[in-house]
């Protein structure tokens, strides 16, 4: 049953990333569109997680409330920057670079909780930096767009990695049993942040979504599906982290999601990869595999 849930987690993550790529390429025409999409997604996730936490018995300490709000802000920012990155760059490389944010929780464990840090994690980190260099195009007409995309990728990487650190902090705290309330508070906070940002950024603008070529009904349906995926992923992944070994969970979860996302990007979205970026992608895949299997490699 646990491995079935893990397979569902990977599939849901790939589908979520694919929808996000669609939003980035087709629905984001200006900054307010980004906030509106994330507002809808996090609102749906918040409703689901609040309902689950109430049914299971809502219990929240002051730590859970404050830390949940902070976690919600970080989650919202990761979604905003990820959507920005997908708006101006390829899905395949964007997912590769953002997924490598697993580096941050790994190093935080060494710095904060005195956990071991294998040489393989360092090797994987260095290779990912090299891959990031090859990910940028050198053509003059695309240099600005490529730099902008890389900045958004870095910011999404930073906040996505921070999510892992904060999840670990919550699980190691004395309030680990308040996970349901923690997630509910977090996604309510994320939804509020995106809602406020949307209304502030769209203030004074009269144009309607239809005028910008966006099918509002279709967009609403897809954001509802994405919100359900996020709620599912957060609940299931927290459960799996407690019942499966990290050496099994993270290689399959991160590696599987990334590999499938690259396949989807090149088939469904028909992305073309230049020779320079192909080299970077190969290096990034090698780095990701080394990072995912670092625990097993350290034991050899």
Protein backbone atom coordinates (compact mmCIF):
# COMPACT_ATOMS: atom_id res chain seq x y z
CA UNK A 1 0.00 0.00 0.00
CA UNK A 2 2.84 2.41 0.85
CA UNK A 3 4.51 1.90 -2.53
CA UNK A 4 1.16 2.38 -4.27
CA UNK A 5 0.82 5.73 -2.47
CA UNK A 6 4.40 6.58 -3.51
CA UNK A 7 3.54 5.86 -7.16
CA UNK A 8 0.43 8.04 -6.85
CA UNK A 9 2.56 10.77 -5.29
CA UNK A 10 4.97 10.75 -8.24
CA UNK A 11 2.13 10.79 -10.80
CA UNK A 12 0.31 13.60 -8.97
CA UNK A 13 3.53 15.64 -8.79
CA UNK A 14 4.15 15.23 -12.53
CA UNK A 15 0.55 16.17 -13.35
CA UNK A 16 0.77 19.19 -11.02
CA UNK A 17 3.99 20.36 -12.70
CA UNK A 18 2.44 19.84 -16.14
CA UNK A 19 -0.58 21.98 -15.24
CA UNK A 20 1.76 24.62 -13.81
CA UNK A 21 3.69 24.62 -17.08
CA UNK A 22 0.42 25.10 -18.97
CA UNK A 23 -0.49 28.03 -16.72
CA UNK A 24 2.96 29.56 -17.18
CA UNK A 25 2.92 29.27 -20.97
CA UNK A 26 -0.76 29.99 -21.71
CA UNK A 27 -2.38 31.82 -18.80
CA UNK A 28 0.20 34.19 -17.33
CA UNK A 29 0.19 37.40 -19.34
CA UNK A 30 1.01 39.76 -16.48
CA UNK A 31 1.92 39.65 -12.79
CA UNK A 32 -1.68 39.64 -11.51
CA UNK A 33 -2.37 36.43 -13.49
CA UNK A 34 0.33 34.64 -11.50
CA UNK A 35 -1.20 35.71 -8.19
CA UNK A 36 -4.73 34.83 -9.36
CA UNK A 37 -3.75 31.30 -10.39
CA UNK A 38 -1.90 30.61 -7.14
CA UNK A 39 -4.75 32.22 -5.16
CA UNK A 40 -7.21 29.70 -6.65
CA UNK A 41 -4.88 26.72 -6.21
CA UNK A 42 -3.99 27.44 -2.58
CA UNK A 43 -7.61 28.30 -1.71
CA UNK A 44 -8.79 24.88 -2.90
CA UNK A 45 -5.94 23.16 -1.03
CA UNK A 46 -6.76 25.19 2.09
CA UNK A 47 -10.45 24.15 2.05
CA UNK A 48 -9.50 20.48 1.71
CA UNK A 49 -6.82 20.57 4.42
CA UNK A 50 -8.98 22.57 6.86
CA UNK A 51 -11.81 20.04 6.40
CA UNK A 52 -9.42 17.12 7.01
CA UNK A 53 -7.90 18.77 10.11
CA UNK A 54 -11.35 19.48 11.61
CA UNK A 55 -12.51 15.92 11.01
CA UNK A 56 -9.32 14.47 12.54
CA UNK A 57 -9.45 16.87 15.49
CA UNK A 58 -8.01 20.35 15.10
CA UNK A 59 -5.28 21.08 17.64
CA UNK A 60 -2.85 23.98 17.28
CA UNK A 61 -0.30 25.43 19.69
CA UNK A 62 1.09 28.95 19.32
CA UNK A 63 4.19 27.45 17.69
CA UNK A 64 2.06 25.65 15.10
CA UNK A 65 0.07 28.80 14.31
CA UNK A 66 3.12 31.05 13.87
CA UNK A 67 5.25 28.46 12.11
CA UNK A 68 2.30 27.49 9.91
CA UNK A 69 1.88 31.12 8.79
CA UNK A 70 5.60 31.34 7.97
CA UNK A 71 5.44 28.02 6.10
CA UNK A 72 2.44 29.28 4.14
CA UNK A 73 4.32 32.41 3.06
CA UNK A 74 7.31 30.36 1.90
CA UNK A 75 5.01 27.93 0.07
CA UNK A 76 3.20 30.77 -1.72
CA UNK A 77 6.48 32.38 -2.80
CA UNK A 78 7.81 29.05 -4.11
CA UNK A 79 4.67 28.66 -6.24
CA UNK A 80 4.84 32.24 -7.53
CA UNK A 81 8.49 31.99 -8.58
CA UNK A 82 8.03 28.51 -10.05
CA UNK A 83 5.19 29.81 -12.22
CA UNK A 84 7.35 32.79 -13.26
CA UNK A 85 10.17 30.42 -14.23
CA UNK A 86 7.85 28.22 -16.30
CA UNK A 87 6.43 31.34 -17.92
CA UNK A 88 9.77 32.28 -19.48
CA UNK A 89 11.71 29.00 -19.64
CA UNK A 90 11.49 25.29 -20.56
CA UNK A 91 9.58 22.91 -18.30
CA UNK A 92 12.25 20.18 -18.54
CA UNK A 93 15.16 22.24 -17.22
CA UNK A 94 13.01 24.28 -14.82
CA UNK A 95 11.81 21.13 -13.02
CA UNK A 96 15.36 19.74 -13.02
CA UNK A 97 16.83 22.80 -11.36
CA UNK A 98 13.99 23.31 -8.87
CA UNK A 99 13.94 19.63 -7.85
CA UNK A 100 17.62 19.89 -6.96
CA UNK A 101 16.50 22.07 -4.03
CA UNK A 102 16.78 18.85 -2.01
CA UNK A 103 20.37 20.07 -1.58
CA UNK A 104 19.24 22.66 0.98
CA UNK A 105 17.55 20.27 3.47
CA UNK A 106 20.58 17.98 3.14
CA UNK A 107 23.05 20.72 4.08
CA UNK A 108 20.73 22.11 6.77
CA UNK A 109 20.71 18.70 8.42
CA UNK A 110 24.51 18.83 8.60
CA UNK A 111 24.61 22.43 9.90
CA UNK A 112 21.58 22.49 12.25
CA UNK A 113 21.03 18.90 13.40
CA UNK A 114 24.62 17.62 13.17
CA UNK A 115 23.70 14.98 10.58
CA UNK A 116 26.32 13.37 8.39
CA UNK A 117 27.14 14.93 5.01
CA UNK A 118 28.58 12.51 2.48
CA UNK A 119 31.03 13.51 -0.23
CA UNK A 120 28.42 12.41 -2.79
CA UNK A 121 26.09 15.24 -1.77
CA UNK A 122 28.93 17.70 -2.29
CA UNK A 123 29.72 16.18 -5.71
CA UNK A 124 26.04 16.36 -6.70
CA UNK A 125 25.85 19.99 -5.58
CA UNK A 126 28.92 20.99 -7.62
CA UNK A 127 27.56 19.21 -10.70
CA UNK A 128 24.22 21.01 -10.33
CA UNK A 129 26.04 24.36 -10.30
CA UNK A 130 27.85 23.34 -13.50
CA UNK A 131 24.51 22.31 -15.02
CA UNK A 132 23.03 25.71 -14.16
CA UNK A 133 25.87 27.36 -16.12
CA UNK A 134 25.09 25.28 -19.20
CA UNK A 135 21.36 25.92 -18.85
CA UNK A 136 21.69 29.56 -19.99
CA UNK A 137 21.74 30.39 -23.69
CA UNK A 138 24.55 32.51 -25.13
CA UNK A 139 22.56 33.99 -28.03
CA UNK A 140 22.22 37.75 -27.82
CA UNK A 141 18.49 37.76 -28.49
CA UNK A 142 17.78 35.33 -25.67
CA UNK A 143 20.41 36.36 -23.13
CA UNK A 144 18.07 38.64 -21.16
CA UNK A 145 15.20 36.14 -21.10
CA UNK A 146 17.58 33.32 -20.12
CA UNK A 147 19.03 35.35 -17.23
CA UNK A 148 15.52 36.27 -16.06
CA UNK A 149 14.48 32.60 -16.18
CA UNK A 150 17.57 31.52 -14.23
CA UNK A 151 16.85 34.11 -11.51
CA UNK A 152 13.28 32.84 -11.13
CA UNK A 153 14.59 29.25 -11.03
CA UNK A 154 17.05 30.20 -8.28
CA UNK A 155 14.33 31.90 -6.21
CA UNK A 156 11.98 28.92 -6.66
CA UNK A 157 14.90 26.63 -5.76
CA UNK A 158 15.59 28.69 -2.62
CA UNK A 159 11.99 28.71 -1.36
CA UNK A 160 11.32 25.09 -2.37
CA UNK A 161 14.40 24.03 -0.43
CA UNK A 162 13.24 26.13 2.51
CA UNK A 163 9.98 24.16 2.51
CA UNK A 164 11.98 20.97 3.11
CA UNK A 165 13.91 22.59 5.95
CA UNK A 166 10.73 23.87 7.60
CA UNK A 167 8.98 20.51 7.24
CA UNK A 168 11.93 18.85 8.94
CA UNK A 169 11.92 21.47 11.69
CA UNK A 170 8.21 20.89 12.33
CA UNK A 171 8.66 17.11 12.42
CA UNK A 172 11.57 17.40 14.88
CA UNK A 173 9.71 19.81 17.16
CA UNK A 174 7.58 18.95 20.18
CA UNK A 175 4.49 19.75 18.09
CA UNK A 176 5.00 17.17 15.32
CA UNK A 177 1.61 15.63 16.14
CA UNK A 178 -0.12 18.85 15.04
CA UNK A 179 0.64 18.24 11.35
CA UNK A 180 -3.00 18.54 10.27
CA UNK A 181 -3.46 21.97 11.84
CA UNK A 182 -0.01 23.03 10.65
CA UNK A 183 -0.85 22.31 6.98
CA UNK A 184 -4.32 23.85 7.27
CA UNK A 185 -2.95 27.09 8.72
CA UNK A 186 -0.12 27.14 6.18
CA UNK A 187 -2.36 26.89 3.11
CA UNK A 188 -4.91 29.34 4.46
CA UNK A 189 -1.99 31.77 4.91
CA UNK A 190 -0.69 31.04 1.40
CA UNK A 191 -4.15 31.64 -0.07
CA UNK A 192 -4.53 34.94 1.82
CA UNK A 193 -1.08 36.15 0.71
CA UNK A 194 -1.82 35.39 -2.96
CA UNK A 195 -5.31 36.93 -2.70
CA UNK A 196 -3.98 40.19 -1.27
CA UNK A 197 -1.19 40.25 -3.88
CA UNK A 198 -3.71 39.66 -6.68
CA UNK A 199 -6.05 42.48 -5.67
CA UNK A 200 -3.17 44.90 -5.09
CA UNK A 201 -1.54 44.10 -8.46
CA UNK A 202 -4.84 44.20 -10.40
CA UNK A 203 -6.16 47.37 -8.79
CA UNK A 204 -7.32 49.87 -11.39
CA UNK A 205 -7.21 47.38 -14.26
CA UNK A 206 -10.46 46.92 -16.15
CA UNK A 207 -9.63 44.20 -18.68
CA UNK A 208 -11.30 40.82 -18.29
CA UNK A 209 -9.64 37.43 -18.54
CA UNK A 210 -11.48 36.62 -21.78
CA UNK A 211 -10.00 39.70 -23.42
CA UNK A 212 -6.52 38.29 -22.82
CA UNK A 213 -7.38 35.02 -24.53
CA UNK A 214 -7.77 32.98 -21.34
CA UNK A 215 -10.59 30.46 -21.02
CA UNK A 216 -11.69 31.30 -17.48
CA UNK A 217 -13.82 28.17 -16.94
CA UNK A 218 -11.03 25.88 -18.10
CA UNK A 219 -8.52 27.76 -16.00
CA UNK A 220 -10.73 27.51 -12.92
CA UNK A 221 -11.22 23.76 -13.42
CA UNK A 222 -7.46 23.16 -13.75
CA UNK A 223 -6.64 25.27 -10.68
CA UNK A 224 -9.18 23.26 -8.65
CA UNK A 225 -7.49 20.03 -9.79
CA UNK A 226 -4.06 21.48 -8.92
CA UNK A 227 -5.29 22.50 -5.48
CA UNK A 228 -6.50 18.95 -4.85
CA UNK A 229 -3.12 17.60 -6.01
CA UNK A 230 -1.21 19.88 -3.63
CA UNK A 231 -3.41 18.90 -0.67
CA UNK A 232 -2.94 15.21 -1.55
CA UNK A 233 0.84 15.56 -2.01
CA UNK A 234 1.37 17.32 1.32
CA UNK A 235 -0.67 14.81 3.32
CA UNK A 236 0.72 11.71 1.59
CA UNK A 237 4.36 12.84 1.49
CA UNK A 238 4.37 13.63 5.20
CA UNK A 239 2.93 10.17 5.86
CA UNK A 240 5.44 8.43 3.57
CA UNK A 241 8.37 10.24 5.19
CA UNK A 242 7.46 8.46 8.41
CA UNK A 243 6.98 4.93 7.04
CA UNK A 244 9.58 4.63 4.26
CA UNK A 245 13.37 4.88 4.44
CA UNK A 246 14.82 8.08 3.00
CA UNK A 247 17.11 5.96 0.79
CA UNK A 248 13.97 4.58 -0.89
CA UNK A 249 11.57 7.51 -0.68
CA UNK A 250 13.64 10.40 -2.07
CA UNK A 251 15.29 8.66 -5.05
CA UNK A 252 11.90 7.46 -6.31
CA UNK A 253 10.00 10.60 -5.40
CA UNK A 254 12.43 13.20 -6.74
CA UNK A 255 14.14 11.17 -9.43
CA UNK A 256 10.91 9.64 -10.72
CA UNK A 257 9.10 12.98 -10.78
CA UNK A 258 11.95 14.69 -12.62
CA UNK A 259 12.44 11.96 -15.22
CA UNK A 260 8.72 11.79 -15.98
CA UNK A 261 8.46 15.59 -16.13
CA UNK A 262 11.29 15.73 -18.70
CA UNK A 263 9.50 13.11 -20.81
CA UNK A 264 6.20 15.03 -20.57
CA UNK A 265 7.95 18.29 -21.52
CA UNK A 266 9.50 16.79 -24.64
CA UNK A 267 6.45 14.82 -25.76
CA UNK A 268 3.28 16.57 -24.61
CA UNK A 269 4.69 20.12 -24.74
CA UNK A 270 7.13 19.34 -27.59
CA UNK A 271 10.04 21.23 -26.08
CA UNK A 272 13.22 21.42 -28.15
CA UNK A 273 16.57 21.41 -26.38
CA UNK A 274 19.67 23.12 -27.80
CA UNK A 275 23.04 21.38 -27.77
CA UNK A 276 24.27 23.56 -24.90
CA UNK A 277 21.19 22.89 -22.78
CA UNK A 278 21.32 19.17 -23.65
CA UNK A 279 24.79 19.01 -22.09
CA UNK A 280 23.47 20.87 -19.05
CA UNK A 281 20.47 18.54 -18.81
CA UNK A 282 22.67 15.43 -18.86
CA UNK A 283 24.90 16.91 -16.14
CA UNK A 284 21.82 17.91 -14.09
CA UNK A 285 20.30 14.42 -14.37
CA UNK A 286 23.60 12.89 -13.21
CA UNK A 287 23.73 15.37 -10.31
CA UNK A 288 20.14 14.61 -9.36
CA UNK A 289 20.75 10.85 -9.37
CA UNK A 290 23.88 11.28 -7.23
CA UNK A 291 21.97 13.46 -4.75
CA UNK A 292 19.00 11.07 -4.66
CA UNK A 293 21.15 7.99 -4.10
CA UNK A 294 23.79 9.71 -1.94
CA UNK A 295 22.82 7.72 1.16
CA UNK A 296 23.24 4.41 -0.66
CA UNK A 297 26.49 5.51 -2.35
CA UNK A 298 27.96 6.56 1.02
CA UNK A 299 27.53 2.99 2.29
CA UNK A 300 29.52 1.43 -0.58
